[in-house]
C-alpha cells in the first residue's frame, strides 16, 4: 500500500510543478519565442546528459575493473578516472550553455 501512496504523491508533485510551466507558455509566446527553440534546447541537454551519464558509468566501471585486476595501480588509475569524469562532465556543461544560447537566440 505504501508503494501506491508513494506513486500517488509523485504524480501529484509532478502535476503541482507542471502547472506554473503550463501557465508560462503564453508569456513565452508573447515574447516571440518559437516552440522549437524550447524543444531543441531540451533535446540538446537531454541527449548530452544521457550520454554523459553513460560515459561516466562506463569509465567508472572500467576503472573499478582495472583496480580489481591490479590493486597496486590504484593511485594512477584514480587520478586518470577523476580527470576523465571531469572532462565528460564539462561536455555536459557545454551542452547546457548551448541550450541557453538556443533559448537566447
Protein backbone atom coordinates (compact mmCIF):
# COMPACT_ATOMS: atom_id res chain seq x y z
CA UNK A 1 0.00 0.00 0.00
CA UNK A 2 2.85 2.38 0.71
CA UNK A 3 4.15 1.96 -2.85
CA UNK A 4 0.78 3.08 -4.19
CA UNK A 5 0.82 6.14 -1.92
CA UNK A 6 4.36 6.98 -2.98
CA UNK A 7 3.33 6.78 -6.64
CA UNK A 8 0.31 8.97 -6.00
CA UNK A 9 2.47 11.52 -4.16
CA UNK A 10 4.93 11.57 -7.07
CA UNK A 11 2.14 12.12 -9.59
CA UNK A 12 0.66 14.95 -7.52
CA UNK A 13 4.07 16.55 -7.08
CA UNK A 14 4.68 16.36 -10.83
CA UNK A 15 1.32 17.97 -11.58
CA UNK A 16 1.93 20.67 -8.99
CA UNK A 17 5.29 21.59 -10.51
CA UNK A 18 3.99 21.41 -14.09
CA UNK A 19 1.17 23.89 -13.52
CA UNK A 20 3.35 27.05 -13.49
CA UNK A 21 5.14 25.84 -16.61
CA UNK A 22 1.87 25.48 -18.47
CA UNK A 23 0.84 28.96 -17.37
CA UNK A 24 4.16 30.42 -18.54
CA UNK A 25 3.64 29.20 -22.11
CA UNK A 26 1.53 32.23 -23.03
CA UNK A 27 4.16 34.61 -21.71
CA UNK A 28 6.82 32.86 -23.74
CA UNK A 29 4.68 33.05 -26.87
CA UNK A 30 4.10 36.73 -26.28
CA UNK A 31 7.85 37.30 -26.04
CA UNK A 32 8.26 35.95 -29.57
CA UNK A 33 9.84 32.62 -28.70
CA UNK A 34 9.42 29.76 -31.09
CA UNK A 35 8.27 26.46 -29.59
CA UNK A 36 11.01 24.61 -31.47
CA UNK A 37 13.66 26.60 -29.61
CA UNK A 38 12.46 25.02 -26.38
CA UNK A 39 12.29 21.58 -27.97
CA UNK A 40 15.79 21.95 -29.40
CA UNK A 41 17.24 23.11 -26.10
CA UNK A 42 15.54 20.30 -24.19
CA UNK A 43 16.71 17.76 -26.75
CA UNK A 44 20.30 19.03 -26.62
CA UNK A 45 20.59 18.94 -22.85
CA UNK A 46 18.69 15.64 -22.58
CA UNK A 47 20.92 13.82 -25.05
CA UNK A 48 24.07 15.32 -23.55
CA UNK A 49 23.06 14.37 -20.01
CA UNK A 50 22.05 10.84 -21.00
CA UNK A 51 25.19 10.03 -22.94
CA UNK A 52 27.36 11.86 -20.42
CA UNK A 53 25.95 9.62 -17.70
CA UNK A 54 26.57 6.54 -19.83
CA UNK A 55 30.15 7.64 -20.46
CA UNK A 56 30.75 8.26 -16.77
CA UNK A 57 29.29 4.88 -15.87
CA UNK A 58 31.47 3.06 -18.39
CA UNK A 59 34.57 4.96 -17.26
CA UNK A 60 33.89 4.21 -13.62
CA UNK A 61 33.24 0.53 -14.38
CA UNK A 62 36.49 0.27 -16.35
CA UNK A 63 38.42 1.97 -13.53
CA UNK A 64 36.96 -0.39 -10.92
CA UNK A 65 37.79 -3.37 -13.11
CA UNK A 66 41.36 -2.12 -13.60
CA UNK A 67 41.81 -1.59 -9.85
CA UNK A 68 40.45 -5.09 -9.26
CA UNK A 69 42.98 -6.56 -11.67
CA UNK A 70 45.94 -4.54 -10.39
CA UNK A 71 45.43 -3.15 -6.87
CA UNK A 72 48.92 -1.72 -6.85
CA UNK A 73 48.00 0.83 -9.53
CA UNK A 74 45.20 2.45 -7.55
CA UNK A 75 46.78 5.93 -7.50
CA UNK A 76 47.33 6.48 -11.25
CA UNK A 77 44.02 4.83 -12.16
CA UNK A 78 42.13 7.01 -9.69
CA UNK A 79 43.73 10.22 -10.95
CA UNK A 80 43.07 9.30 -14.58
CA UNK A 81 39.47 8.37 -13.75
CA UNK A 82 38.81 11.68 -11.96
CA UNK A 83 40.26 13.68 -14.85
CA UNK A 84 38.19 11.66 -17.34
CA UNK A 85 34.98 12.15 -15.33
CA UNK A 86 35.65 15.88 -15.11
CA UNK A 87 36.13 16.11 -18.88
CA UNK A 88 32.91 14.17 -19.53
CA UNK A 89 31.04 16.45 -17.13
CA UNK A 90 32.46 19.52 -18.86
CA UNK A 91 30.94 18.33 -22.14
CA UNK A 92 27.52 18.19 -20.46
CA UNK A 93 28.05 21.71 -19.13
CA UNK A 94 28.94 22.86 -22.67
CA UNK A 95 25.64 21.35 -23.86
CA UNK A 96 23.84 23.31 -21.13
CA UNK A 97 25.49 26.52 -22.34
CA UNK A 98 24.49 25.69 -25.92
CA UNK A 99 20.92 25.10 -24.76
CA UNK A 100 20.91 28.52 -23.11
CA UNK A 101 22.26 30.04 -26.33
CA UNK A 102 19.49 28.36 -28.33
CA UNK A 103 16.91 29.85 -25.98
CA UNK A 104 18.52 33.29 -26.12
CA UNK A 105 18.58 33.35 -29.92
